[in-house]
Amino acid sequence: MREKLQGQGLYVITDGPRPDLLEVVAQALAGGARLVQYRDKTTDHPRRLDEARALRALCAARQVPLIINDDVGLALAAGAAGVHLGEEDSDVATARAVLGEKAIIGVSCYDSLQRARELSAAGADYIAFGAFFPSPTKPHARRASFELLRQSAALGVPRVAIGGITPDNGGSLIDAGADYLAVISAVFGDPDVRGAAERFAQLFTSH
């Protein structure tokens, strides 16, 4: 397994503009989040840069990598640890050229083992599959199978599961081989963000 991401854990993804962004991410980190992704699809570039830089400092204090969703330029400007790329974003080689060899570059592979093979060979540092369950964030997302997690073990890169994951169903994904559980609403939509993060973190000690 590549050295940039070792171990397992909760991967929290922010849910767009919110006035308490730094507060809830701090709570998620206190609850045991091991990766944070800043996801904001708006075009308010000055605010996004300010928030990304503030999150980078917050994460650095906990030695947790900050990943930027879909925006290589923002990842570079904010000094983030890396970027997450979807199907319509930059390719791995382009992102690597901009962000450097030390950057963490993750990729969405949806329900495709072939895409995972190609992108891991191209140098992706982790591969994400999903949705495994109905997702409130992306209700029409393609659905991935548990077998996909098992089959992708041979690729030798960390595997992230995403999509409708809760503390009740997350353990089954860990058992199937997920190294990280990526969660949006089940953490940031919970009134007790820290408690929600702790429940997910506990799954990795019990499975």
N, C-alpha and C. Protein backbone atom coordinates (compact mmCIF):
# COMPACT_ATOMS: atom_id res chain seq x y z
N MET A 1 0.84 -1.19 0.00
CA MET A 1 0.00 0.00 0.00
C MET A 1 0.89 1.25 0.00
N ARG A 2 0.50 2.24 -0.77
CA ARG A 2 1.32 3.44 -0.86
C ARG A 2 1.38 4.18 0.47
N GLU A 3 2.50 4.84 0.72
CA GLU A 3 2.79 5.34 2.05
C GLU A 3 2.02 6.59 2.44
N LYS A 4 1.43 7.30 1.49
CA LYS A 4 0.81 8.58 1.83
C LYS A 4 -0.40 8.42 2.74
N LEU A 5 -1.12 7.36 2.57
CA LEU A 5 -2.30 7.10 3.39
C LEU A 5 -2.16 5.74 4.04
N GLN A 6 -1.85 5.75 5.32
CA GLN A 6 -1.70 4.49 6.04
C GLN A 6 -2.85 4.35 7.04
N GLY A 7 -3.20 3.13 7.31
CA GLY A 7 -4.25 2.89 8.28
C GLY A 7 -5.64 3.00 7.67
N GLN A 8 -6.61 3.23 8.52
CA GLN A 8 -8.01 3.31 8.11
C GLN A 8 -8.67 4.45 8.86
N GLY A 9 -9.92 4.73 8.49
CA GLY A 9 -10.62 5.73 9.28
C GLY A 9 -11.76 6.41 8.57
N LEU A 10 -12.32 7.37 9.28
CA LEU A 10 -13.44 8.17 8.79
C LEU A 10 -12.92 9.29 7.90
N TYR A 11 -13.55 9.45 6.75
CA TYR A 11 -13.20 10.48 5.76
C TYR A 11 -14.42 11.40 5.66
N VAL A 12 -14.36 12.58 6.25
CA VAL A 12 -15.51 13.48 6.23
C VAL A 12 -15.40 14.45 5.05
N ILE A 13 -16.55 14.72 4.44
CA ILE A 13 -16.63 15.61 3.29
C ILE A 13 -17.62 16.72 3.62
N THR A 14 -17.17 17.96 3.51
CA THR A 14 -18.03 19.08 3.88
C THR A 14 -19.17 19.23 2.88
N ASP A 15 -20.21 19.90 3.34
CA ASP A 15 -21.45 19.92 2.55
C ASP A 15 -21.82 21.31 2.07
N GLY A 16 -20.86 21.99 1.47
CA GLY A 16 -21.17 23.27 0.84
C GLY A 16 -21.15 24.43 1.82
N PRO A 17 -21.53 25.61 1.37
CA PRO A 17 -21.44 26.79 2.23
C PRO A 17 -22.27 26.63 3.51
N ARG A 18 -21.66 26.91 4.64
CA ARG A 18 -22.38 26.97 5.91
C ARG A 18 -21.60 27.86 6.85
N PRO A 19 -22.29 28.66 7.65
CA PRO A 19 -21.58 29.65 8.47
C PRO A 19 -20.73 29.03 9.57
N ASP A 20 -21.06 27.80 9.96
CA ASP A 20 -20.32 27.15 11.05
C ASP A 20 -19.33 26.12 10.53
N LEU A 21 -18.84 26.30 9.30
CA LEU A 21 -17.98 25.30 8.66
C LEU A 21 -16.79 24.92 9.53
N LEU A 22 -16.04 25.89 10.01
CA LEU A 22 -14.84 25.58 10.78
C LEU A 22 -15.20 24.88 12.08
N GLU A 23 -16.29 25.31 12.69
CA GLU A 23 -16.71 24.70 13.96
C GLU A 23 -17.06 23.23 13.78
N VAL A 24 -17.84 22.91 12.74
CA VAL A 24 -18.26 21.51 12.59
C VAL A 24 -17.10 20.63 12.14
N VAL A 25 -16.19 21.15 11.33
CA VAL A 25 -15.02 20.36 10.95
C VAL A 25 -14.14 20.11 12.18
N ALA A 26 -14.00 21.11 13.03
CA ALA A 26 -13.24 20.92 14.26
C ALA A 26 -13.87 19.83 15.12
N GLN A 27 -15.20 19.80 15.16
CA GLN A 27 -15.89 18.76 15.93
C GLN A 27 -15.66 17.38 15.31
N ALA A 28 -15.70 17.30 13.98
CA ALA A 28 -15.46 16.02 13.31
C ALA A 28 -14.03 15.53 13.58
N LEU A 29 -13.08 16.43 13.55
CA LEU A 29 -11.70 16.07 13.85
C LEU A 29 -11.57 15.60 15.30
N ALA A 30 -12.23 16.28 16.21
CA ALA A 30 -12.19 15.87 17.61
C ALA A 30 -12.83 14.49 17.79
N GLY A 31 -13.78 14.16 16.92
CA GLY A 31 -14.43 12.86 16.98
C GLY A 31 -13.65 11.74 16.33
N GLY A 32 -12.56 12.08 15.66
CA GLY A 32 -11.69 11.03 15.12
C GLY A 32 -11.58 10.95 13.62
N ALA A 33 -12.06 11.96 12.88
CA ALA A 33 -11.91 11.95 11.42
C ALA A 33 -10.44 11.89 11.04
N ARG A 34 -10.12 11.05 10.04
CA ARG A 34 -8.73 10.86 9.63
C ARG A 34 -8.40 11.53 8.30
N LEU A 35 -9.43 11.93 7.56
CA LEU A 35 -9.27 12.68 6.32
C LEU A 35 -10.42 13.68 6.24
N VAL A 36 -10.13 14.87 5.68
CA VAL A 36 -11.17 15.88 5.47
C VAL A 36 -11.12 16.33 4.02
N GLN A 37 -12.29 16.38 3.40
CA GLN A 37 -12.39 16.92 2.04
C GLN A 37 -13.27 18.16 2.06
N TYR A 38 -12.74 19.24 1.48
CA TYR A 38 -13.50 20.48 1.34
C TYR A 38 -14.24 20.43 0.02
N ARG A 39 -15.57 20.38 0.10
CA ARG A 39 -16.41 20.29 -1.08
C ARG A 39 -17.37 21.46 -1.10
N ASP A 40 -17.18 22.36 -2.03
CA ASP A 40 -18.02 23.54 -2.16
C ASP A 40 -18.13 23.86 -3.65
N LYS A 41 -19.32 23.65 -4.22
CA LYS A 41 -19.50 23.75 -5.66
C LYS A 41 -19.85 25.17 -6.12
N THR A 42 -19.84 26.15 -5.20
CA THR A 42 -20.17 27.51 -5.59
C THR A 42 -19.00 28.15 -6.35
N THR A 43 -19.24 29.35 -6.85
CA THR A 43 -18.20 30.08 -7.60
C THR A 43 -17.66 31.27 -6.81
N ASP A 44 -17.87 31.28 -5.51
CA ASP A 44 -17.37 32.35 -4.65
C ASP A 44 -15.90 32.05 -4.33
N HIS A 45 -15.04 32.39 -5.27
CA HIS A 45 -13.63 31.97 -5.16
C HIS A 45 -12.91 32.58 -3.96
N PRO A 46 -13.09 33.87 -3.64
CA PRO A 46 -12.38 34.40 -2.46
C PRO A 46 -12.80 33.70 -1.17
N ARG A 47 -14.09 33.46 -0.98
CA ARG A 47 -14.53 32.77 0.23
C ARG A 47 -14.01 31.35 0.26
N ARG A 48 -14.06 30.66 -0.86
CA ARG A 48 -13.58 29.27 -0.90
C ARG A 48 -12.10 29.20 -0.56
N LEU A 49 -11.31 30.14 -1.06
CA LEU A 49 -9.88 30.14 -0.74
C LEU A 49 -9.65 30.42 0.73
N ASP A 50 -10.37 31.39 1.29
CA ASP A 50 -10.23 31.69 2.72
C ASP A 50 -10.59 30.46 3.56
N GLU A 51 -11.70 29.81 3.20
CA GLU A 51 -12.13 28.64 3.97
C GLU A 51 -11.15 27.49 3.83
N ALA A 52 -10.66 27.28 2.62
CA ALA A 52 -9.73 26.17 2.41
C ALA A 52 -8.44 26.39 3.21
N ARG A 53 -7.97 27.62 3.25
CA ARG A 53 -6.75 27.90 4.02
C ARG A 53 -6.99 27.73 5.52
N ALA A 54 -8.16 28.16 5.98
CA ALA A 54 -8.48 27.99 7.40
C ALA A 54 -8.62 26.51 7.75
N LEU A 55 -9.22 25.74 6.86
CA LEU A 55 -9.35 24.31 7.10
C LEU A 55 -7.99 23.61 7.07
N ARG A 56 -7.13 24.06 6.19
CA ARG A 56 -5.78 23.47 6.14
C ARG A 56 -5.08 23.62 7.48
N ALA A 57 -5.18 24.83 8.08
CA ALA A 57 -4.54 25.06 9.38
C ALA A 57 -5.19 24.21 10.47
N LEU A 58 -6.51 24.10 10.41
CA LEU A 58 -7.25 23.30 11.40
C LEU A 58 -6.84 21.83 11.31
N CYS A 59 -6.77 21.33 10.10
CA CYS A 59 -6.39 19.93 9.89
C CYS A 59 -4.93 19.68 10.25
N ALA A 60 -4.07 20.62 9.92
CA ALA A 60 -2.65 20.46 10.21
C ALA A 60 -2.40 20.32 11.70
N ALA A 61 -3.20 21.01 12.50
CA ALA A 61 -3.04 20.93 13.95
C ALA A 61 -3.32 19.52 14.47
N ARG A 62 -4.12 18.78 13.71
CA ARG A 62 -4.46 17.39 14.08
C ARG A 62 -3.68 16.37 13.24
N GLN A 63 -2.80 16.88 12.37
CA GLN A 63 -2.04 16.02 11.46
C GLN A 63 -2.97 15.17 10.58
N VAL A 64 -4.01 15.81 10.11
CA VAL A 64 -4.98 15.18 9.21
C VAL A 64 -4.90 15.86 7.85
N PRO A 65 -4.79 15.10 6.76
CA PRO A 65 -4.71 15.72 5.44
C PRO A 65 -6.02 16.41 5.04
N LEU A 66 -5.91 17.57 4.41
CA LEU A 66 -7.05 18.26 3.81
C LEU A 66 -7.01 18.03 2.30
N ILE A 67 -8.09 17.48 1.77
CA ILE A 67 -8.24 17.23 0.34
C ILE A 67 -9.26 18.21 -0.22
N ILE A 68 -9.00 18.75 -1.39
CA ILE A 68 -9.93 19.68 -2.04
C ILE A 68 -10.70 18.93 -3.13
N ASN A 69 -11.99 19.13 -3.15
CA ASN A 69 -12.83 18.47 -4.15
C ASN A 69 -12.73 19.17 -5.50
N ASP A 70 -12.28 18.43 -6.48
CA ASP A 70 -12.42 18.81 -7.90
C ASP A 70 -11.61 20.02 -8.39
N ASP A 71 -10.86 20.70 -7.53
CA ASP A 71 -10.26 21.98 -7.93
C ASP A 71 -8.76 21.96 -7.64
N VAL A 72 -7.99 21.64 -8.66
CA VAL A 72 -6.53 21.54 -8.50
C VAL A 72 -5.94 22.90 -8.16
N GLY A 73 -6.44 23.95 -8.80
CA GLY A 73 -5.93 25.30 -8.54
C GLY A 73 -6.16 25.74 -7.11
N LEU A 74 -7.33 25.44 -6.58
CA LEU A 74 -7.63 25.79 -5.19
C LEU A 74 -6.75 24.98 -4.24
N ALA A 75 -6.55 23.70 -4.54
CA ALA A 75 -5.68 22.87 -3.70
C ALA A 75 -4.28 23.46 -3.63
N LEU A 76 -3.77 23.93 -4.76
CA LEU A 76 -2.44 24.53 -4.80
C LEU A 76 -2.40 25.84 -4.02
N ALA A 77 -3.38 26.70 -4.27
CA ALA A 77 -3.40 28.02 -3.63
C ALA A 77 -3.57 27.91 -2.12
N ALA A 78 -4.33 26.92 -1.67
CA ALA A 78 -4.59 26.78 -0.24
C ALA A 78 -3.51 26.00 0.49
N GLY A 79 -2.61 25.38 -0.26
CA GLY A 79 -1.59 24.55 0.37
C GLY A 79 -2.14 23.26 0.94
N ALA A 80 -3.22 22.77 0.33
CA ALA A 80 -3.86 21.54 0.80
C ALA A 80 -2.98 20.33 0.53
N ALA A 81 -3.31 19.22 1.19
CA ALA A 81 -2.53 17.99 1.02
C ALA A 81 -2.77 17.34 -0.33
N GLY A 82 -3.92 17.64 -0.95
CA GLY A 82 -4.20 17.00 -2.23
C GLY A 82 -5.54 17.36 -2.78
N VAL A 83 -6.00 16.57 -3.75
CA VAL A 83 -7.23 16.86 -4.48
C VAL A 83 -7.96 15.56 -4.76
N HIS A 84 -9.28 15.66 -4.83
CA HIS A 84 -10.10 14.52 -5.23
C HIS A 84 -10.70 14.82 -6.59
N LEU A 85 -10.54 13.88 -7.52
CA LEU A 85 -10.96 14.09 -8.90
C LEU A 85 -12.13 13.18 -9.26
N GLY A 86 -13.14 13.77 -9.90
CA GLY A 86 -14.26 13.00 -10.41
C GLY A 86 -14.09 12.69 -11.89
N GLU A 87 -15.14 12.19 -12.47
CA GLU A 87 -15.10 11.73 -13.85
C GLU A 87 -14.83 12.84 -14.85
N GLU A 88 -15.28 14.06 -14.53
CA GLU A 88 -15.18 15.16 -15.48
C GLU A 88 -14.10 16.18 -15.09
N ASP A 89 -13.24 15.81 -14.17
CA ASP A 89 -12.21 16.73 -13.69
C ASP A 89 -10.87 16.45 -14.37
N SER A 90 -9.82 17.13 -13.90
CA SER A 90 -8.48 16.92 -14.44
C SER A 90 -8.06 15.47 -14.29
N ASP A 91 -7.11 15.04 -15.13
CA ASP A 91 -6.61 13.67 -14.97
C ASP A 91 -5.51 13.65 -13.92
N VAL A 92 -5.14 12.45 -13.52
CA VAL A 92 -4.17 12.28 -12.44
C VAL A 92 -2.82 12.91 -12.80
N ALA A 93 -2.38 12.71 -14.02
CA ALA A 93 -1.07 13.23 -14.43
C ALA A 93 -1.03 14.75 -14.38
N THR A 94 -2.10 15.40 -14.83
CA THR A 94 -2.16 16.86 -14.80
C THR A 94 -2.15 17.37 -13.37
N ALA A 95 -2.95 16.75 -12.52
CA ALA A 95 -2.98 17.15 -11.11
C ALA A 95 -1.62 16.94 -10.45
N ARG A 96 -0.98 15.83 -10.77
CA ARG A 96 0.34 15.54 -10.20
C ARG A 96 1.37 16.58 -10.64
N ALA A 97 1.30 16.99 -11.90
CA ALA A 97 2.25 17.98 -12.41
C ALA A 97 2.10 19.31 -11.69
N VAL A 98 0.87 19.65 -11.32
CA VAL A 98 0.62 20.93 -10.63
C VAL A 98 0.95 20.83 -9.15
N LEU A 99 0.54 19.75 -8.52
CA LEU A 99 0.60 19.66 -7.06
C LEU A 99 1.86 18.97 -6.53
N GLY A 100 2.55 18.23 -7.39
CA GLY A 100 3.80 17.61 -6.98
C GLY A 100 3.66 16.18 -6.51
N GLU A 101 4.79 15.54 -6.35
CA GLU A 101 4.82 14.11 -6.02
C GLU A 101 4.26 13.79 -4.64
N LYS A 102 4.35 14.74 -3.72
CA LYS A 102 3.90 14.46 -2.35
C LYS A 102 2.39 14.60 -2.18
N ALA A 103 1.71 15.17 -3.16
CA ALA A 103 0.27 15.40 -3.05
C ALA A 103 -0.51 14.08 -3.02
N ILE A 104 -1.59 14.08 -2.27
CA ILE A 104 -2.53 12.96 -2.27
C ILE A 104 -3.56 13.21 -3.35
N ILE A 105 -3.63 12.31 -4.31
CA ILE A 105 -4.60 12.45 -5.40
C ILE A 105 -5.55 11.27 -5.35
N GLY A 106 -6.80 11.58 -5.03
CA GLY A 106 -7.83 10.55 -4.98
C GLY A 106 -8.76 10.65 -6.16
N VAL A 107 -9.39 9.55 -6.51
CA VAL A 107 -10.25 9.52 -7.70
C VAL A 107 -11.55 8.77 -7.42
N SER A 108 -12.61 9.26 -8.01
CA SER A 108 -13.89 8.55 -7.96
C SER A 108 -13.92 7.48 -9.04
N CYS A 109 -14.21 6.26 -8.65
CA CYS A 109 -14.29 5.16 -9.61
C CYS A 109 -15.71 4.60 -9.71
N TYR A 110 -16.63 5.15 -8.94
CA TYR A 110 -18.05 4.84 -9.04
C TYR A 110 -18.30 3.33 -8.88
N ASP A 111 -18.71 2.69 -9.98
CA ASP A 111 -18.99 1.25 -9.94
C ASP A 111 -18.07 0.47 -10.87
N SER A 112 -16.89 1.08 -11.20
CA SER A 112 -16.05 0.53 -12.26
C SER A 112 -14.70 0.04 -11.75
N LEU A 113 -14.50 -1.27 -11.80
CA LEU A 113 -13.20 -1.84 -11.45
C LEU A 113 -12.16 -1.47 -12.51
N GLN A 114 -12.58 -1.39 -13.77
CA GLN A 114 -11.65 -1.04 -14.85
C GLN A 114 -11.11 0.37 -14.66
N ARG A 115 -11.99 1.31 -14.30
CA ARG A 115 -11.53 2.69 -14.03
C ARG A 115 -10.55 2.70 -12.86
N ALA A 116 -10.84 1.91 -11.84
CA ALA A 116 -9.94 1.83 -10.69
C ALA A 116 -8.57 1.29 -11.10
N ARG A 117 -8.56 0.28 -11.96
CA ARG A 117 -7.29 -0.28 -12.45
C ARG A 117 -6.49 0.79 -13.19
N GLU A 118 -7.15 1.49 -14.09
CA GLU A 118 -6.47 2.48 -14.92
C GLU A 118 -5.92 3.64 -14.10
N LEU A 119 -6.73 4.12 -13.14
CA LEU A 119 -6.31 5.30 -12.38
C LEU A 119 -5.30 4.96 -11.31
N SER A 120 -5.38 3.77 -10.74
CA SER A 120 -4.33 3.38 -9.79
C SER A 120 -3.00 3.21 -10.53
N ALA A 121 -3.06 2.67 -11.74
CA ALA A 121 -1.84 2.54 -12.55
C ALA A 121 -1.29 3.91 -12.95
N ALA A 122 -2.19 4.90 -13.07
CA ALA A 122 -1.76 6.26 -13.44
C ALA A 122 -1.21 7.03 -12.25
N GLY A 123 -1.28 6.44 -11.05
CA GLY A 123 -0.67 7.08 -9.89
C GLY A 123 -1.61 7.62 -8.85
N ALA A 124 -2.90 7.28 -8.93
CA ALA A 124 -3.83 7.73 -7.89
C ALA A 124 -3.42 7.15 -6.54
N ASP A 125 -3.59 7.94 -5.50
CA ASP A 125 -3.18 7.51 -4.15
C ASP A 125 -4.30 6.80 -3.40
N TYR A 126 -5.54 7.00 -3.82
CA TYR A 126 -6.64 6.20 -3.32
C TYR A 126 -7.74 6.16 -4.36
N ILE A 127 -8.57 5.14 -4.28
CA ILE A 127 -9.68 4.97 -5.20
C ILE A 127 -10.97 4.91 -4.40
N ALA A 128 -11.99 5.62 -4.88
CA ALA A 128 -13.26 5.69 -4.17
C ALA A 128 -14.36 5.03 -4.99
N PHE A 129 -15.12 4.16 -4.34
CA PHE A 129 -16.25 3.49 -4.98
C PHE A 129 -17.55 3.91 -4.30
N GLY A 130 -18.62 3.90 -5.06
CA GLY A 130 -19.94 4.19 -4.50
C GLY A 130 -20.84 4.82 -5.54
N ALA A 131 -22.11 4.92 -5.23
CA ALA A 131 -22.69 4.82 -3.90
C ALA A 131 -23.05 3.37 -3.55
N PHE A 132 -22.78 3.02 -2.27
CA PHE A 132 -23.11 1.68 -1.81
C PHE A 132 -24.54 1.59 -1.29
N PHE A 133 -25.06 2.71 -0.82
CA PHE A 133 -26.42 2.78 -0.32
C PHE A 133 -27.07 4.05 -0.89
N PRO A 134 -28.37 4.19 -0.81
CA PRO A 134 -29.01 5.42 -1.30
C PRO A 134 -28.41 6.65 -0.61
N SER A 135 -28.02 7.62 -1.42
CA SER A 135 -27.32 8.79 -0.89
C SER A 135 -28.20 10.03 -0.92
N PRO A 136 -28.38 10.72 0.21
CA PRO A 136 -29.14 11.96 0.18
C PRO A 136 -28.43 13.08 -0.58
N THR A 137 -27.11 13.01 -0.67
CA THR A 137 -26.36 14.04 -1.40
C THR A 137 -26.46 13.84 -2.90
N LYS A 138 -26.38 12.57 -3.34
CA LYS A 138 -26.49 12.24 -4.77
C LYS A 138 -27.49 11.10 -4.93
N PRO A 139 -28.80 11.43 -4.91
CA PRO A 139 -29.82 10.37 -4.93
C PRO A 139 -29.82 9.51 -6.19
N HIS A 140 -29.25 10.02 -7.28
CA HIS A 140 -29.26 9.28 -8.53
C HIS A 140 -27.88 8.68 -8.87
N ALA A 141 -27.02 8.62 -7.88
CA ALA A 141 -25.66 8.10 -8.11
C ALA A 141 -25.70 6.63 -8.51
N ARG A 142 -24.73 6.25 -9.32
CA ARG A 142 -24.56 4.84 -9.65
C ARG A 142 -24.29 4.03 -8.39
N ARG A 143 -24.74 2.80 -8.37
CA ARG A 143 -24.58 1.96 -7.19
C ARG A 143 -23.43 0.99 -7.40
N ALA A 144 -22.61 0.85 -6.37
CA ALA A 144 -21.46 -0.05 -6.39
C ALA A 144 -21.76 -1.28 -5.53
N SER A 145 -21.08 -2.37 -5.82
CA SER A 145 -21.32 -3.62 -5.09
C SER A 145 -20.22 -3.86 -4.07
N PHE A 146 -20.54 -4.63 -3.04
CA PHE A 146 -19.54 -5.01 -2.05
C PHE A 146 -18.43 -5.83 -2.70
N GLU A 147 -18.77 -6.60 -3.71
CA GLU A 147 -17.78 -7.42 -4.40
C GLU A 147 -16.70 -6.56 -5.04
N LEU A 148 -17.06 -5.36 -5.44
CA LEU A 148 -16.09 -4.43 -6.04
C LEU A 148 -14.98 -4.10 -5.04
N LEU A 149 -15.32 -3.92 -3.78
CA LEU A 149 -14.30 -3.68 -2.76
C LEU A 149 -13.36 -4.87 -2.64
N ARG A 150 -13.94 -6.05 -2.65
CA ARG A 150 -13.10 -7.26 -2.52
C ARG A 150 -12.19 -7.43 -3.73
N GLN A 151 -12.73 -7.24 -4.93
CA GLN A 151 -11.95 -7.43 -6.15
C GLN A 151 -10.84 -6.40 -6.29
N SER A 152 -11.04 -5.21 -5.76
CA SER A 152 -10.06 -4.14 -5.93
C SER A 152 -8.90 -4.22 -4.95
N ALA A 153 -8.94 -5.18 -4.03
CA ALA A 153 -7.85 -5.32 -3.06
C ALA A 153 -6.50 -5.53 -3.75
N ALA A 154 -6.52 -6.22 -4.88
CA ALA A 154 -5.28 -6.54 -5.59
C ALA A 154 -4.58 -5.30 -6.16
N LEU A 155 -5.27 -4.17 -6.23
CA LEU A 155 -4.68 -2.97 -6.82
C LEU A 155 -3.65 -2.33 -5.89
N GLY A 156 -3.72 -2.65 -4.60
CA GLY A 156 -2.69 -2.19 -3.68
C GLY A 156 -2.75 -0.72 -3.30
N VAL A 157 -3.91 -0.07 -3.47
CA VAL A 157 -4.08 1.31 -3.04
C VAL A 157 -5.25 1.36 -2.06
N PRO A 158 -5.25 2.33 -1.15
CA PRO A 158 -6.37 2.45 -0.22
C PRO A 158 -7.70 2.61 -0.96
N ARG A 159 -8.73 1.99 -0.38
CA ARG A 159 -10.06 2.03 -0.99
C ARG A 159 -11.03 2.79 -0.09
N VAL A 160 -11.75 3.71 -0.70
CA VAL A 160 -12.72 4.54 0.00
C VAL A 160 -14.11 4.13 -0.45
N ALA A 161 -15.00 3.95 0.51
CA ALA A 161 -16.41 3.68 0.21
C ALA A 161 -17.21 4.94 0.51
N ILE A 162 -18.19 5.24 -0.35
CA ILE A 162 -19.00 6.44 -0.18
C ILE A 162 -20.44 6.15 -0.60
N GLY A 163 -21.35 6.94 -0.06
CA GLY A 163 -22.73 6.86 -0.52
C GLY A 163 -23.69 6.26 0.47
N GLY A 164 -24.40 7.11 1.21
CA GLY A 164 -25.44 6.64 2.12
C GLY A 164 -24.92 5.86 3.31
N ILE A 165 -23.67 6.08 3.70
CA ILE A 165 -23.07 5.28 4.77
C ILE A 165 -23.47 5.85 6.13
N THR A 166 -23.83 4.96 7.04
CA THR A 166 -24.20 5.31 8.41
C THR A 166 -23.42 4.44 9.38
N PRO A 167 -23.45 4.76 10.67
CA PRO A 167 -22.80 3.87 11.64
C PRO A 167 -23.41 2.47 11.65
N ASP A 168 -24.65 2.34 11.22
CA ASP A 168 -25.31 1.03 11.22
C ASP A 168 -24.86 0.15 10.06
N ASN A 169 -24.56 0.75 8.90
CA ASN A 169 -24.18 -0.08 7.74
C ASN A 169 -22.69 0.00 7.40
N GLY A 170 -21.96 0.91 8.04
CA GLY A 170 -20.56 1.11 7.68
C GLY A 170 -19.66 -0.07 7.99
N GLY A 171 -19.97 -0.81 9.05
CA GLY A 171 -19.13 -1.94 9.42
C GLY A 171 -19.06 -3.00 8.34
N SER A 172 -20.16 -3.18 7.61
CA SER A 172 -20.17 -4.18 6.54
C SER A 172 -19.21 -3.80 5.42
N LEU A 173 -19.03 -2.50 5.19
CA LEU A 173 -18.09 -2.04 4.16
C LEU A 173 -16.64 -2.23 4.60
N ILE A 174 -16.38 -2.01 5.87
CA ILE A 174 -15.04 -2.27 6.40
C ILE A 174 -14.71 -3.75 6.28
N ASP A 175 -15.68 -4.59 6.61
CA ASP A 175 -15.48 -6.04 6.48
C ASP A 175 -15.20 -6.44 5.04
N ALA A 176 -15.78 -5.71 4.08
CA ALA A 176 -15.59 -6.03 2.66
C ALA A 176 -14.28 -5.47 2.12
N GLY A 177 -13.58 -4.63 2.92
CA GLY A 177 -12.27 -4.15 2.49
C GLY A 177 -12.09 -2.66 2.42
N ALA A 178 -13.10 -1.88 2.77
CA ALA A 178 -12.94 -0.42 2.72
C ALA A 178 -11.94 0.04 3.77
N ASP A 179 -10.98 0.86 3.35
CA ASP A 179 -10.02 1.44 4.27
C ASP A 179 -10.56 2.72 4.91
N TYR A 180 -11.36 3.44 4.15
CA TYR A 180 -11.96 4.68 4.64
C TYR A 180 -13.45 4.69 4.31
N LEU A 181 -14.23 5.24 5.22
CA LEU A 181 -15.65 5.48 4.97
C LEU A 181 -15.83 6.97 4.77
N ALA A 182 -16.27 7.37 3.58
CA ALA A 182 -16.47 8.77 3.26
C ALA A 182 -17.93 9.15 3.54
N VAL A 183 -18.10 10.18 4.35
CA VAL A 183 -19.42 10.52 4.86
C VAL A 183 -19.64 12.03 4.78
N ILE A 184 -20.82 12.40 4.35
CA ILE A 184 -21.22 13.82 4.35
C ILE A 184 -22.33 14.02 5.37
N SER A 185 -23.56 13.67 4.99
CA SER A 185 -24.72 14.03 5.81
C SER A 185 -24.79 13.29 7.13
N ALA A 186 -24.28 12.05 7.19
CA ALA A 186 -24.37 11.29 8.44
C ALA A 186 -23.48 11.87 9.54
N VAL A 187 -22.55 12.74 9.16
CA VAL A 187 -21.76 13.46 10.17
C VAL A 187 -22.20 14.92 10.23
N PHE A 188 -22.13 15.63 9.11
CA PHE A 188 -22.39 17.07 9.13
C PHE A 188 -23.87 17.42 9.18
N GLY A 189 -24.73 16.44 8.97
CA GLY A 189 -26.16 16.66 9.13
C GLY A 189 -26.67 16.26 10.50
N ASP A 190 -25.78 15.76 11.33
CA ASP A 190 -26.16 15.33 12.68
C ASP A 190 -26.02 16.51 13.64
N PRO A 191 -26.97 16.72 14.53
CA PRO A 191 -26.84 17.82 15.50
C PRO A 191 -25.59 17.68 16.38
N ASP A 192 -25.15 16.45 16.60
CA ASP A 192 -23.95 16.18 17.40
C ASP A 192 -22.86 15.67 16.47
N VAL A 193 -22.15 16.60 15.84
CA VAL A 193 -21.15 16.22 14.83
C VAL A 193 -20.04 15.38 15.44
N ARG A 194 -19.56 15.80 16.58
CA ARG A 194 -18.47 15.04 17.22
C ARG A 194 -18.93 13.62 17.58
N GLY A 195 -20.12 13.50 18.13
CA GLY A 195 -20.64 12.19 18.49
C GLY A 195 -20.81 11.29 17.28
N ALA A 196 -21.28 11.88 16.17
CA ALA A 196 -21.45 11.10 14.94
C ALA A 196 -20.11 10.61 14.43
N ALA A 197 -19.10 11.49 14.45
CA ALA A 197 -17.76 11.10 14.01
C ALA A 197 -17.21 9.99 14.91
N GLU A 198 -17.44 10.10 16.20
CA GLU A 198 -16.95 9.07 17.12
C GLU A 198 -17.57 7.71 16.84
N ARG A 199 -18.86 7.71 16.49
CA ARG A 199 -19.52 6.43 16.19
C ARG A 199 -18.91 5.77 14.96
N PHE A 200 -18.57 6.57 13.97
CA PHE A 200 -17.90 6.01 12.79
C PHE A 200 -16.50 5.53 13.13
N ALA A 201 -15.77 6.33 13.89
CA ALA A 201 -14.39 5.97 14.24
C ALA A 201 -14.36 4.66 15.00
N GLN A 202 -15.36 4.44 15.84
CA GLN A 202 -15.42 3.21 16.63
C GLN A 202 -15.59 1.97 15.77
N LEU A 203 -16.20 2.14 14.58
CA LEU A 203 -16.37 1.00 13.70
C LEU A 203 -15.03 0.37 13.31
N PHE A 204 -14.01 1.21 13.22
CA PHE A 204 -12.70 0.72 12.77
C PHE A 204 -11.96 -0.03 13.86
N THR A 205 -12.37 0.13 15.09
CA THR A 205 -11.78 -0.66 16.17
C THR A 205 -12.56 -1.94 16.42
N SER A 206 -13.83 -1.95 16.01
CA SER A 206 -14.67 -3.12 16.28
C SER A 206 -14.74 -4.08 15.09
N HIS A 207 -14.20 -3.67 13.93
CA HIS A 207 -14.24 -4.54 12.74
C HIS A 207 -12.81 -4.83 12.29
